[in-house]
Amino acid sequence: MKHEKISPLQLFYVILGFQIGNTFVFGLGGGAKQDAWLVILVSMLGGFILMLVYTKLSNYYPDDTLIQMIPKIIGKFLAIPFILIYISYFTYLAARACRDFAEILAASMLVKTPLVVVIGSFMVLIVYCFRGGIESFCRMGEAVIPSYIMALSIIWILLLTVDEFDINNLSPILGNGPKPILKEVFPKVLTFPFGESIIITMFFPYLNNMGRKGTVGMAAILLTGVLMTVNLILVLSVLGPEIYSRNFFPLLTAAQMVSIADFLERFDALVILTMLAGVFFKIGGWTFGSAIGIAQLFKLKQNRSVFLGIGTILTPLSLLIAPSQIRHNEIGLDFFTLYFHIPLQIVFPIMLLCIAFIRKKI
């Protein structure tokens, strides 16, 4: 797959779809209540810094993925544990994204469909796409993401028609001071979704124009932040800060309130279908990072069978990682953020960049 190349626009769409894949339905920054939209803007600034770290690190090793960089920076002996941790990290996050997608779909549309059927069907689609190579996956981004944004815009326009819509729900701005905002920014929203852009280090070597990698990364962070901010402003205006802070899927709740002439209703189905398109890139991105990491660790000449193996593992793994949706959310928001997101998205990449800078200077 290494000989395959993708354009900067294709990579931009893939990373954008990856970041916004399943984030819109969640109540991000709920602890800041009416200032939740400010949480996104502040987190976006942190996302720019992290993307700068990932881009600079890739500039030192332009032909290598993150898995290939690590041995060159800290040595082969020390690199093995970190490589295994990153591969496990990518695999687990792919399973989490599968579980999130299946739980939302089962609760809203496919009520009587077993989760294993929902997840298994989706994984067949992703594995089939990657059997055609990274170019097929990235072409999907070009085709799907513009339609995703268009559908999202339609949902926003519909929210403006809700009788309960009141822009005054956003006031008072900074009514509780900056502390609740900063508490939501770090580590929650900074690591999800902006810190997850570390997956871009697995795509950089396939870019056909290396000089555009910084532009692609920063543009993806910027548009992600803008889209999420607009979404939160509209959802908060419909639901109000109190309901928003207590609702785990506020966009779905807001969409259910849309009613046109008491005839056109249940637009939450449109939200689910939109999320379906975005989650494809979220799960696909983590699956790609895991499979390519395994192939590079064991120096495999072809990785199609690796994608098949990862796809087979993810279906049962997504069901076994937590006994219930509540426990699943607790693990992701508390334990995993503190002990995995922060070290692997922030601490270790910065440490690698510092070591790489010193090695190049010496």
Protein backbone atom coordinates (compact mmCIF):
# COMPACT_ATOMS: atom_id res chain seq x y z
CA MET A 1 0.00 0.00 0.00
CA LYS A 2 3.03 2.26 0.45
CA HIS A 3 3.25 2.97 -3.30
CA GLU A 4 -0.28 4.38 -3.27
CA LYS A 5 -0.65 8.14 -3.03
CA ILE A 6 -3.48 10.43 -1.98
CA SER A 7 -4.04 14.10 -2.66
CA PRO A 8 -4.09 16.83 0.03
CA LEU A 9 -7.82 17.37 -0.59
CA GLN A 10 -8.53 13.67 -0.07
CA LEU A 11 -6.59 13.63 3.18
CA PHE A 12 -8.37 16.79 4.33
CA TYR A 13 -11.78 15.20 3.80
CA VAL A 14 -10.76 11.99 5.54
CA ILE A 15 -9.38 13.76 8.64
CA LEU A 16 -12.36 16.12 8.75
CA GLY A 17 -14.75 13.17 8.55
CA PHE A 18 -12.68 11.33 11.15
CA GLN A 19 -12.88 14.19 13.65
CA ILE A 20 -16.53 15.07 13.25
CA GLY A 21 -17.64 11.46 12.69
CA ASN A 22 -19.53 10.80 15.94
CA THR A 23 -18.81 13.98 17.89
CA PHE A 24 -21.87 15.98 16.81
CA VAL A 25 -24.37 13.76 18.59
CA PHE A 26 -22.57 13.96 21.95
CA GLY A 27 -23.06 16.74 24.49
CA LEU A 28 -19.49 18.04 24.48
CA GLY A 29 -18.66 20.74 27.02
CA GLY A 30 -21.92 20.18 28.91
CA GLY A 31 -20.29 21.09 32.22
CA ALA A 32 -19.85 24.67 30.96
CA LYS A 33 -23.61 24.85 30.16
CA GLN A 34 -24.35 27.95 28.03
CA ASP A 35 -20.61 28.42 27.41
CA ALA A 36 -20.19 24.97 25.82
CA TRP A 37 -19.55 26.59 22.43
CA LEU A 38 -16.62 28.51 23.95
CA VAL A 39 -15.21 25.16 25.11
CA ILE A 40 -14.96 24.11 21.46
CA LEU A 41 -13.19 27.32 20.42
CA VAL A 42 -10.62 27.10 23.22
CA SER A 43 -10.07 23.39 22.54
CA MET A 44 -9.55 24.19 18.88
CA LEU A 45 -6.60 26.41 19.80
CA GLY A 46 -5.08 23.46 21.66
CA GLY A 47 -5.84 21.32 18.60
CA PHE A 48 -3.73 23.68 16.46
CA ILE A 49 -0.78 23.19 18.81
CA LEU A 50 -1.13 19.40 18.75
CA MET A 51 -1.41 19.38 14.95
CA LEU A 52 1.76 21.50 14.79
CA VAL A 53 3.52 18.87 16.91
CA TYR A 54 2.34 16.03 14.66
CA THR A 55 3.29 17.94 11.50
CA LYS A 56 6.76 18.92 12.73
CA LEU A 57 7.39 15.35 13.83
CA SER A 58 6.44 14.11 10.37
CA ASN A 59 8.69 16.71 8.74
CA TYR A 60 11.70 15.09 10.42
CA TYR A 61 10.68 11.66 9.04
CA PRO A 62 8.56 12.40 5.94
CA ASP A 63 8.53 8.83 4.63
CA ASP A 64 7.54 7.21 7.92
CA THR A 65 4.34 6.68 9.84
CA LEU A 66 4.26 7.18 13.61
CA ILE A 67 4.99 3.47 14.08
CA GLN A 68 8.10 3.73 11.89
CA MET A 69 9.30 6.97 13.51
CA ILE A 70 9.41 5.67 17.06
CA PRO A 71 12.35 3.21 16.60
CA LYS A 72 14.36 5.86 14.74
CA ILE A 73 13.87 8.35 17.57
CA ILE A 74 14.22 6.30 20.76
CA GLY A 75 15.85 3.11 19.48
CA LYS A 76 14.47 -0.31 18.57
CA PHE A 77 14.68 -1.80 22.08
CA LEU A 78 12.65 0.97 23.76
CA ALA A 79 10.32 1.34 20.77
CA ILE A 80 8.64 -2.09 20.90
CA PRO A 81 6.49 -1.44 24.01
CA PHE A 82 5.36 1.96 22.70
CA ILE A 83 4.53 0.51 19.26
CA LEU A 84 2.44 -2.24 20.85
CA ILE A 85 0.67 0.33 23.03
CA TYR A 86 -0.18 2.52 20.03
CA ILE A 87 -1.46 -0.44 17.99
CA SER A 88 -3.62 -1.53 20.93
CA TYR A 89 -4.75 2.08 21.38
CA PHE A 90 -5.87 2.39 17.75
CA THR A 91 -7.62 -0.99 17.92
CA TYR A 92 -9.46 -0.16 21.13
CA LEU A 93 -10.64 3.22 19.84
CA ALA A 94 -11.95 1.56 16.67
CA ALA A 95 -13.92 -0.82 18.89
CA ARG A 96 -15.22 2.10 20.99
CA ALA A 97 -16.39 3.94 17.87
CA CYS A 98 -18.17 0.77 16.72
CA ARG A 99 -19.90 0.44 20.07
CA ASP A 100 -20.96 4.12 20.14
CA PHE A 101 -22.38 3.85 16.64
CA ALA A 102 -24.23 0.60 17.34
CA GLU A 103 -25.72 1.79 20.63
CA ILE A 104 -27.09 5.00 19.11
CA LEU A 105 -28.46 3.18 16.08
CA ALA A 106 -30.04 0.42 18.16
CA ALA A 107 -31.64 2.91 20.55
CA SER A 108 -33.13 5.13 17.85
CA MET A 109 -33.84 3.11 14.69
CA LEU A 110 -32.89 -0.59 14.80
CA VAL A 111 -34.40 -1.23 18.21
CA LYS A 112 -34.74 -5.01 17.91
CA THR A 113 -31.59 -5.62 15.89
CA PRO A 114 -28.73 -7.28 17.86
CA LEU A 115 -25.63 -5.12 18.23
CA VAL A 116 -23.45 -7.84 16.75
CA VAL A 117 -25.41 -7.66 13.48
CA VAL A 118 -25.14 -3.86 13.30
CA ILE A 119 -21.40 -3.79 14.04
CA GLY A 120 -20.59 -6.84 11.91
CA SER A 121 -22.37 -5.39 8.86
CA PHE A 122 -20.54 -2.09 9.23
CA MET A 123 -17.14 -3.78 9.59
CA VAL A 124 -17.74 -5.80 6.40
CA LEU A 125 -18.20 -2.50 4.54
CA ILE A 126 -15.02 -0.98 5.99
CA VAL A 127 -12.85 -4.05 5.37
CA TYR A 128 -14.18 -4.29 1.82
CA CYS A 129 -13.26 -0.64 1.23
CA PHE A 130 -9.70 -1.12 2.51
CA ARG A 131 -9.23 -4.22 0.40
CA GLY A 132 -9.15 -1.74 -2.47
CA GLY A 133 -6.36 0.24 -0.79
CA ILE A 134 -6.03 3.61 0.90
CA GLU A 135 -6.94 5.39 -2.33
CA SER A 136 -10.41 3.83 -2.28
CA PHE A 137 -10.92 4.91 1.32
CA CYS A 138 -9.83 8.49 0.61
CA ARG A 139 -11.97 8.72 -2.52
CA MET A 140 -14.91 7.89 -0.27
CA GLY A 141 -14.01 11.03 1.67
CA GLU A 142 -14.23 13.15 -1.46
CA ALA A 143 -17.63 11.70 -2.28
CA VAL A 144 -19.23 11.55 1.18
CA ILE A 145 -17.99 14.47 3.31
CA PRO A 146 -19.42 17.31 1.13
CA SER A 147 -22.81 15.53 1.31
CA TYR A 148 -22.34 15.11 5.06
CA ILE A 149 -21.83 18.85 5.52
CA MET A 150 -24.81 19.61 3.28
CA ALA A 151 -27.07 17.28 5.31
CA LEU A 152 -25.78 18.83 8.52
CA SER A 153 -26.63 22.28 7.18
CA ILE A 154 -30.19 21.12 6.46
CA ILE A 155 -30.49 19.89 10.06
CA TRP A 156 -29.31 23.28 11.33
CA ILE A 157 -31.86 25.11 9.17
CA LEU A 158 -34.59 22.86 10.54
CA LEU A 159 -33.53 23.65 14.11
CA LEU A 160 -34.18 27.32 13.39
CA THR A 161 -37.85 26.45 12.88
CA VAL A 162 -38.34 24.97 16.35
CA ASP A 163 -40.71 27.05 18.49
CA GLU A 164 -38.41 26.74 21.52
CA PHE A 165 -35.44 28.21 19.62
CA ASP A 166 -34.06 31.14 21.63
CA ILE A 167 -30.59 32.57 21.08
CA ASN A 168 -30.79 34.09 24.56
CA ASN A 169 -30.12 30.62 25.94
CA LEU A 170 -26.45 31.41 25.27
CA SER A 171 -26.39 34.21 27.81
CA PRO A 172 -24.84 35.20 30.08
CA ILE A 173 -21.54 34.53 28.33
CA LEU A 174 -18.89 33.59 30.90
CA GLY A 175 -21.63 33.83 33.51
CA ASN A 176 -19.83 31.25 35.68
CA GLY A 177 -16.34 32.50 34.87
CA PRO A 178 -13.63 30.76 32.84
CA LYS A 179 -13.09 27.85 35.28
CA PRO A 180 -15.94 25.58 34.00
CA ILE A 181 -14.75 26.17 30.43
CA LEU A 182 -11.15 25.26 31.16
CA LYS A 183 -12.27 22.21 33.14
CA GLU A 184 -14.18 20.94 30.10
CA VAL A 185 -11.39 21.83 27.67
CA PHE A 186 -8.72 19.78 29.42
CA PRO A 187 -8.64 16.92 29.16
CA LYS A 188 -12.08 16.06 27.74
CA VAL A 189 -12.70 18.10 24.59
CA LEU A 190 -9.03 18.68 23.77
CA THR A 191 -8.48 14.93 23.54
CA PHE A 192 -11.86 14.21 21.92
CA PRO A 193 -11.97 15.04 19.09
CA PHE A 194 -8.94 17.30 18.50
CA GLY A 195 -6.26 15.09 20.05
CA GLU A 196 -7.50 12.13 18.05
CA SER A 197 -6.01 13.82 14.99
CA ILE A 198 -2.80 11.97 15.90
CA ILE A 199 -4.05 9.38 13.42
CA ILE A 200 -2.97 11.77 10.65
CA THR A 201 0.64 10.69 11.32
CA MET A 202 -0.32 7.29 9.87
CA PHE A 203 -1.55 8.94 6.64
CA PHE A 204 1.19 11.52 6.01
CA PRO A 205 3.63 9.19 4.15
CA TYR A 206 0.96 8.50 1.52
CA LEU A 207 0.49 12.18 0.68
CA ASN A 208 1.56 13.06 -2.86
CA ASN A 209 2.42 16.64 -1.90
CA MET A 210 4.39 16.72 1.34
CA GLY A 211 4.56 20.50 1.34
CA ARG A 212 0.80 20.69 1.98
CA LYS A 213 0.66 18.50 5.07
CA GLY A 214 0.64 21.43 7.50
CA THR A 215 -2.08 23.21 5.56
CA VAL A 216 -4.22 20.07 5.43
CA GLY A 217 -3.90 19.40 9.17
CA MET A 218 -4.60 22.97 10.27
CA ALA A 219 -7.52 23.36 7.87
CA ALA A 220 -9.10 20.15 9.20
CA ILE A 221 -8.78 21.39 12.79
CA LEU A 222 -10.21 24.81 11.86
CA LEU A 223 -13.24 23.51 9.98
CA THR A 224 -13.92 20.90 12.68
CA GLY A 225 -13.94 23.63 15.32
CA VAL A 226 -16.17 25.94 13.28
CA LEU A 227 -18.73 23.24 12.45
CA MET A 228 -18.88 22.03 16.05
CA THR A 229 -19.25 25.58 17.37
CA VAL A 230 -22.16 26.36 15.03
CA ASN A 231 -23.77 23.05 15.94
CA LEU A 232 -23.53 23.72 19.68
CA ILE A 233 -24.88 27.26 19.35
CA LEU A 234 -27.99 25.98 17.56
CA VAL A 235 -28.54 22.99 19.86
CA LEU A 236 -28.12 25.15 22.97
CA SER A 237 -30.58 27.67 21.54
CA VAL A 238 -33.18 24.92 21.14
CA LEU A 239 -32.66 22.90 24.33
CA GLY A 240 -31.27 25.45 26.76
CA PRO A 241 -28.15 24.91 28.90
CA GLU A 242 -29.82 22.83 31.63
CA ILE A 243 -31.28 20.20 29.31
CA TYR A 244 -28.14 20.22 27.17
CA SER A 245 -25.86 19.53 30.13
CA ARG A 246 -27.95 16.53 31.23
CA ASN A 247 -28.57 15.03 27.78
CA PHE A 248 -26.00 12.63 26.37
CA PHE A 249 -27.31 12.92 22.77
CA PRO A 250 -28.56 16.53 22.58
CA LEU A 251 -28.55 16.84 18.78
CA LEU A 252 -30.91 13.87 18.50
CA THR A 253 -33.20 15.39 21.13
CA ALA A 254 -33.21 18.76 19.37
CA ALA A 255 -33.93 17.15 15.99
CA GLN A 256 -36.92 15.30 17.48
CA MET A 257 -38.45 18.68 18.34
CA VAL A 258 -38.59 19.73 14.68
CA SER A 259 -42.12 19.66 13.31
CA ILE A 260 -43.16 21.24 10.03
CA ALA A 261 -46.94 21.79 9.74
CA ASP A 262 -47.46 18.89 12.15
CA PHE A 263 -46.69 16.61 9.21
CA LEU A 264 -42.93 16.37 8.67
CA GLU A 265 -41.38 15.05 11.88
CA ARG A 266 -38.77 12.62 13.26
CA PHE A 267 -35.80 14.36 11.66
CA ASP A 268 -33.58 12.56 14.18
CA ALA A 269 -33.44 9.83 11.53
CA LEU A 270 -31.59 12.30 9.29
CA VAL A 271 -29.11 12.89 12.13
CA ILE A 272 -28.52 9.15 12.43
CA LEU A 273 -27.97 8.74 8.70
CA THR A 274 -25.57 11.69 8.72
CA MET A 275 -23.68 10.19 11.64
CA LEU A 276 -23.50 6.89 9.77
CA ALA A 277 -21.47 8.58 7.05
CA GLY A 278 -19.14 10.27 9.53
CA VAL A 279 -18.59 7.21 11.72
CA PHE A 280 -17.39 5.33 8.65
CA PHE A 281 -14.28 7.54 8.64
CA LYS A 282 -13.88 7.44 12.42
CA ILE A 283 -13.82 3.64 12.53
CA GLY A 284 -11.95 3.46 9.24
CA GLY A 285 -9.21 5.81 10.46
CA TRP A 286 -8.53 3.83 13.64
CA THR A 287 -8.72 0.53 11.73
CA PHE A 288 -6.23 1.83 9.19
CA GLY A 289 -3.81 2.93 11.92
CA SER A 290 -4.04 -0.44 13.67
CA ALA A 291 -3.66 -2.55 10.53
CA ILE A 292 -0.79 -0.53 9.05
CA GLY A 293 0.94 -0.52 12.44
CA ILE A 294 0.77 -4.32 12.65
CA ALA A 295 1.98 -4.70 9.06
CA GLN A 296 4.94 -2.38 9.67
CA LEU A 297 5.82 -3.94 13.03
CA PHE A 298 6.09 -7.42 11.50
CA LYS A 299 7.40 -6.09 8.15
CA LEU A 300 4.61 -7.68 6.12
CA LYS A 301 4.76 -7.09 2.38
CA GLN A 302 0.97 -6.94 1.99
CA ASN A 303 -1.60 -5.88 4.55
CA ARG A 304 -4.97 -6.86 3.09
CA SER A 305 -5.14 -9.93 5.30
CA VAL A 306 -4.33 -7.71 8.30
CA PHE A 307 -7.40 -5.57 7.59
CA LEU A 308 -9.49 -8.73 7.44
CA GLY A 309 -8.08 -9.90 10.77
CA ILE A 310 -8.62 -6.53 12.46
CA GLY A 311 -12.18 -6.35 11.13
CA THR A 312 -12.89 -9.81 12.52
CA ILE A 313 -11.51 -8.88 15.95
CA LEU A 314 -13.28 -5.53 16.27
CA THR A 315 -16.82 -6.92 16.20
CA PRO A 316 -16.54 -9.10 19.35
CA LEU A 317 -14.13 -6.64 21.00
CA SER A 318 -16.62 -3.78 20.74
CA LEU A 319 -19.16 -5.91 22.60
CA LEU A 320 -16.74 -7.09 25.28
CA ILE A 321 -15.13 -3.77 26.25
CA ALA A 322 -18.04 -2.83 28.56
CA PRO A 323 -21.14 -4.60 29.91
CA SER A 324 -23.44 -1.63 29.29
CA GLN A 325 -23.56 1.75 27.56
CA ILE A 326 -23.35 3.59 30.89
CA ARG A 327 -20.20 1.72 31.91
CA HIS A 328 -18.84 2.17 28.40
CA ASN A 329 -19.20 5.95 28.71
CA GLU A 330 -17.65 6.01 32.19
CA ILE A 331 -14.57 4.14 30.99
CA GLY A 332 -14.14 6.44 28.01
CA LEU A 333 -14.68 9.76 29.81
CA ASP A 334 -12.80 9.06 33.02
CA PHE A 335 -10.27 6.22 32.97
CA PHE A 336 -9.28 6.15 29.29
CA THR A 337 -8.96 9.91 28.90
CA LEU A 338 -6.64 10.25 31.88
CA TYR A 339 -4.42 7.21 31.38
CA PHE A 340 -4.30 6.86 27.60
CA HIS A 341 -5.48 9.95 25.70
CA ILE A 342 -3.25 12.41 27.55
CA PRO A 343 -0.03 10.33 27.42
CA LEU A 344 -0.46 9.04 23.85
CA GLN A 345 -1.92 12.15 22.21
CA ILE A 346 -0.01 14.86 24.05
CA VAL A 347 2.87 13.79 26.31
CA PHE A 348 4.61 11.15 24.20
CA PRO A 349 4.36 12.99 20.83
CA ILE A 350 5.85 16.14 22.41
CA MET A 351 8.61 14.04 23.94
CA LEU A 352 9.30 12.41 20.55
CA LEU A 353 9.44 15.82 18.88
CA CYS A 354 11.95 17.11 21.45
CA ILE A 355 14.18 14.04 21.04
CA ALA A 356 13.95 14.22 17.24
CA PHE A 357 14.89 17.91 17.32
CA ILE A 358 17.94 17.19 19.50
CA ARG A 359 19.01 14.23 17.33
CA LYS A 360 18.79 16.28 14.14
CA LYS A 361 20.73 19.16 15.68
CA ILE A 362 23.47 16.91 17.01
